[in-house]
Protein backbone atom coordinates (compact mmCIF):
# COMPACT_ATOMS: atom_id res chain seq x y z
CA MET A 1 147.75 123.59 153.45
CA ARG A 2 150.17 122.18 150.78
CA ILE A 3 148.41 120.68 147.65
CA LEU A 4 150.57 117.73 146.41
CA PRO A 5 151.19 118.62 142.07
CA GLY A 6 149.47 115.96 141.00
CA PHE A 7 146.28 116.70 143.22
CA ARG A 8 146.12 120.08 141.51
CA VAL A 9 146.67 118.51 138.29
CA SER A 10 143.09 116.60 139.60
CA ILE A 11 141.15 119.71 140.47
CA VAL A 12 141.82 121.36 137.78
CA ALA A 13 140.47 118.47 135.42
CA VAL A 14 137.86 118.02 137.83
CA THR A 15 136.83 121.51 137.05
CA ALA A 16 136.96 121.25 133.60
CA PHE A 17 134.78 118.79 133.26
CA ALA A 18 132.23 120.23 135.60
CA ALA A 19 132.50 123.31 133.46
CA ALA A 20 132.13 121.22 129.97
CA LEU A 21 129.14 119.14 131.72
CA MET A 22 127.33 122.35 132.54
CA VAL A 23 127.83 123.90 129.32
CA ALA A 24 126.28 120.59 127.20
CA THR A 25 123.61 120.60 129.49
CA PHE A 26 122.51 124.09 128.92
CA ALA A 27 122.94 123.66 125.33
CA GLY A 28 120.41 121.20 125.17
CA SER A 29 117.81 122.90 127.12
CA ILE A 30 118.47 125.66 124.77
CA SER A 31 117.58 123.11 121.84
CA ALA A 32 114.59 121.33 123.85
CA ALA A 33 111.42 121.52 122.40
CA ASP A 34 109.34 124.79 124.21
CA CYS A 35 105.84 123.41 124.63
CA GLY A 36 104.30 126.43 126.46
CA SER A 37 105.81 129.05 123.18
CA THR A 38 103.63 130.44 120.62
CA ALA A 39 103.27 129.61 116.92
CA SER A 40 105.95 131.28 115.06
CA ALA A 41 107.29 129.90 112.13
CA GLY A 42 109.95 127.40 112.93
CA ILE A 43 108.46 126.80 115.95
CA ASP A 44 109.80 123.01 117.62
CA TRP A 45 107.03 121.73 119.59
CA GLY A 46 108.20 118.29 118.96
CA GLY A 47 106.45 116.02 121.10
CA CYS A 48 104.23 118.18 122.90
CA ASN A 49 100.46 117.80 124.23
CA LYS A 50 98.39 120.29 121.60
CA LYS A 51 95.69 118.31 122.57
CA ASN A 52 91.95 119.91 122.79
CA LEU A 53 93.26 123.22 121.37
CA MET A 54 91.66 125.85 119.20
CA LEU A 55 94.73 127.56 117.05
CA GLU A 56 93.94 128.10 114.18
CA GLY A 57 95.02 130.53 111.50
CA GLY A 58 98.54 129.67 113.18
CA ASP A 59 101.82 130.47 111.40
CA PHE A 60 103.88 127.00 111.66
CA GLN A 61 105.47 126.80 108.70
CA LYS A 62 109.02 124.40 108.41
CA GLY A 63 108.33 124.21 112.29
CA ASN A 64 109.36 120.89 113.83
CA LEU A 65 106.20 119.44 114.83
CA ALA A 66 107.51 115.42 115.37
CA ASP A 67 105.34 113.53 117.70
CA THR A 68 103.79 115.84 118.48
CA ASP A 69 99.92 114.86 119.82
CA PHE A 70 97.41 117.53 118.01
CA THR A 71 93.58 115.28 119.10
CA LEU A 72 90.83 116.83 118.73
CA THR A 73 92.68 120.66 117.93
CA ASN A 74 91.84 123.35 115.36
CA LEU A 75 94.66 123.93 113.28
CA SER A 76 92.83 125.11 110.03
CA ASP A 77 93.69 127.73 108.18
CA SER A 78 97.22 127.94 109.49
CA ASN A 79 100.69 128.08 107.47
CA LEU A 80 102.11 124.90 108.15
CA ALA A 81 104.24 124.49 104.38
CA SER A 82 107.38 122.67 105.06
CA ALA A 83 106.35 122.02 108.82
CA ASN A 84 107.81 118.36 109.96
CA LEU A 85 104.59 116.33 111.42
CA GLU A 86 106.11 112.69 111.43
CA LYS A 87 104.82 110.34 113.42
CA ALA A 88 102.14 113.20 114.73
CA THR A 89 98.95 112.31 116.19
CA LEU A 90 96.25 114.29 114.17
CA VAL A 91 93.14 111.82 115.65
CA ARG A 92 89.93 113.99 114.41
CA THR A 93 92.22 116.99 113.71
CA TRP A 94 91.25 119.98 112.09
CA PHE A 95 92.91 121.48 108.70
CA THR A 96 90.58 122.46 106.80
CA GLY A 97 91.81 125.35 104.27
CA SER A 98 95.36 125.15 105.67
CA ASP A 99 98.26 125.64 103.16
CA LEU A 100 100.06 122.21 103.86
CA THR A 101 103.11 122.92 100.87
CA LYS A 102 105.69 119.69 101.04
CA ALA A 103 104.62 119.35 104.97
CA ASN A 104 105.82 115.82 106.03
CA PHE A 105 103.16 114.13 107.28
CA SER A 106 104.61 110.30 107.32
CA LYS A 107 103.44 107.89 109.82
CA VAL A 108 100.88 110.32 111.43
CA GLU A 109 97.77 108.88 112.80
CA ALA A 110 95.02 111.13 111.24
CA TYR A 111 91.89 109.11 111.80
CA ARG A 112 88.92 111.19 110.82
CA SER A 113 90.64 113.90 110.29
CA GLY A 114 89.76 116.98 108.18
CA PHE A 115 91.74 118.36 104.94
CA GLU A 116 89.26 120.06 103.11
CA GLY A 117 90.08 122.49 101.03
CA VAL A 118 93.92 122.64 101.77
CA ASN A 119 96.71 123.32 99.88
CA ALA A 120 99.28 119.85 100.20
CA GLU A 121 100.98 119.83 96.77
CA GLY A 122 104.08 117.82 97.61
CA ALA A 123 103.66 116.84 100.20
CA ASN A 124 104.51 113.35 102.17
CA PHE A 125 101.54 111.36 103.57
CA THR A 126 103.90 107.60 103.53
CA GLY A 127 103.16 104.96 105.82
CA ALA A 128 100.47 107.85 107.45
CA GLU A 129 97.00 106.03 109.02
CA LEU A 130 94.06 108.33 107.59
CA GLN A 131 91.27 106.30 108.08
CA ARG A 132 87.81 108.16 107.12
CA ALA A 133 89.82 111.80 106.13
CA ASN A 134 88.25 114.22 104.20
CA PHE A 135 90.63 115.51 101.23
CA ASN A 136 87.41 116.81 99.62
CA ARG A 137 88.62 120.11 97.72
CA ALA A 138 91.90 119.68 98.05
CA VAL A 139 94.77 120.77 96.00
CA LEU A 140 96.58 117.16 96.58
CA LYS A 141 99.29 117.48 93.12
CA GLY A 142 102.36 115.60 93.35
CA VAL A 143 101.42 113.98 97.39
CA ASN A 144 103.06 111.13 98.12
CA PHE A 145 100.74 108.60 99.70
CA GLU A 146 102.39 105.40 99.39
CA LYS A 147 101.60 102.59 101.83
CA ALA A 148 98.91 105.09 103.38
CA GLU A 149 95.50 103.67 105.22
CA LEU A 150 93.07 105.46 102.82
CA GLY A 151 89.75 103.40 103.90
CA ARG A 152 87.23 105.23 104.31
CA VAL A 153 88.91 108.34 102.87
CA THR A 154 86.87 110.74 100.67
CA PHE A 155 88.12 113.02 98.02
CA LYS A 156 85.50 114.03 95.74
CA GLY A 157 86.97 117.41 94.16
CA ALA A 158 90.06 117.16 94.91
CA ASP A 159 92.69 117.87 92.64
CA VAL A 160 94.79 114.75 92.30
CA THR A 161 97.27 115.42 89.51
CA GLY A 162 100.64 113.23 89.99
CA VAL A 163 99.73 111.65 93.48
CA ASN A 164 101.81 108.63 94.17
CA PHE A 165 99.08 105.55 95.45
CA ALA A 166 101.36 102.91 95.51
CA LEU A 167 101.06 100.01 97.75
CA THR A 168 98.62 102.02 99.51
CA ASN A 169 95.07 101.02 100.80
CA LEU A 170 92.06 102.20 99.13
CA SER A 171 89.36 100.52 100.75
CA ARG A 172 85.99 102.07 100.20
CA ALA A 173 87.92 105.36 99.41
CA ASP A 174 85.47 107.45 96.78
CA LEU A 175 87.70 109.19 94.44
CA THR A 176 84.27 110.36 92.17
CA GLY A 177 84.19 114.08 91.27
CA ALA A 178 87.88 113.93 92.08
CA THR A 179 90.46 116.04 88.89
CA PHE A 180 93.35 114.97 87.51
CA THR A 181 95.28 116.42 84.34
CA GLY A 182 98.66 113.71 84.79
CA PRO A 183 99.00 110.06 85.71
CA ILE A 184 98.43 108.50 88.87
CA SER A 185 100.02 105.57 90.35
CA PHE A 186 98.15 102.99 91.77
CA ASP A 187 100.62 100.04 91.85
CA ARG A 188 99.73 97.79 93.98
CA ALA A 189 97.08 99.64 95.43
CA PHE A 190 94.45 97.46 97.05
CA MET A 191 91.35 99.41 95.81
CA PHE A 192 88.41 97.11 97.39
CA LEU A 193 85.07 98.76 96.33
CA THR A 194 87.30 102.14 95.77
CA ARG A 195 84.47 104.46 94.17
CA ILE A 196 86.14 105.41 91.33
CA SER A 197 82.76 106.21 88.99
CA GLY A 198 83.30 108.63 85.94
CA LEU A 199 87.10 109.02 85.69
CA ASP A 200 89.09 109.00 83.28
CA LEU A 201 91.92 106.48 84.01
CA SER A 202 93.32 105.53 80.90
CA GLN A 203 96.86 107.39 81.70
CA ALA A 204 97.24 105.39 85.20
CA THR A 205 99.92 103.65 85.69
CA GLY A 206 100.18 100.45 87.56
CA LEU A 207 96.23 100.01 87.31
CA ASP A 208 95.24 95.96 86.50
CA ALA A 209 92.40 94.04 86.11
CA ALA A 210 92.20 92.21 89.14
CA GLN A 211 92.18 95.89 91.21
CA VAL A 212 89.51 97.34 88.73
CA ALA A 213 87.57 94.13 89.47
CA LEU A 214 87.84 95.24 92.84
CA ALA A 215 86.72 98.62 92.55
CA CYS A 216 83.69 100.28 91.72
CA GLY A 217 83.04 102.14 88.64
CA ASP A 218 80.29 103.01 86.21
CA SER A 219 79.86 103.29 82.39
CA ASN A 220 81.42 106.65 82.30
CA THR A 221 84.90 105.53 83.97
CA LYS A 222 87.56 105.43 81.01
CA LEU A 223 90.57 102.18 81.81
CA PRO A 224 93.74 102.20 80.27
CA SER A 225 93.83 100.85 76.74
CA GLY A 226 92.83 97.41 76.44
CA MET A 227 91.49 96.98 79.82
CA ALA A 228 87.84 95.97 79.63
CA THR A 229 85.28 97.33 81.99
CA PRO A 230 84.01 94.26 85.04
CA THR A 231 80.85 93.08 83.97
CA SER A 232 80.23 93.20 88.40
CA TRP A 233 79.93 97.45 87.76
CA PRO A 234 78.28 99.26 88.99
CA CYS A 235 77.99 98.62 92.30
CA GLU A 236 75.82 98.73 94.40
CA ALA A 237 75.30 101.88 97.56
CA ASP A 238 77.31 101.76 100.24
């Protein structure tokens, strides 16, 4: 059968297009998250369902865990340094004792989650939902909590040196016993009944009289120069 020259060109073009499509599809499958893979440095579990698992001691450093659902999962004593957890679901998730150095927790949902004793120096929690989370004894040097929801969060014994609480909701949060050796930013933070008893806030930035009047301090709380101790202190037990 005779094939016209123009028709031969069309067949070649279609074949080339099909081959290119197969290559693109294969490349896409390689780059897609591998939800069944074992935890390892640089892992890609983006968007995976990892609920109700025991993953303590895992290596997730520099991994892609964005949009991953870790609800009720135990990630204690794990390495998540420089991992990306943006928009992950971390409701009642445990990170106790984990390395979270420079990890990205922006916009996560982490209600009632446990961050006790973590090293989260330089981590990013911008816009995170962290109501009732536990950061007791955590190293939080240089952490960015800007615009985060920190209602009833506890920071007892945590190192909060250089933390940014700008535009943060600290309603009923407990900073009693927190330690720091440098300034902390409270710029426009909402501090309704925030526990600041015994803290030396003399070097705090962005702290004004209205915020202090809403908060709960005591006679041992040191305020910035020129700021008077509110007559409402100390607050009644919550």
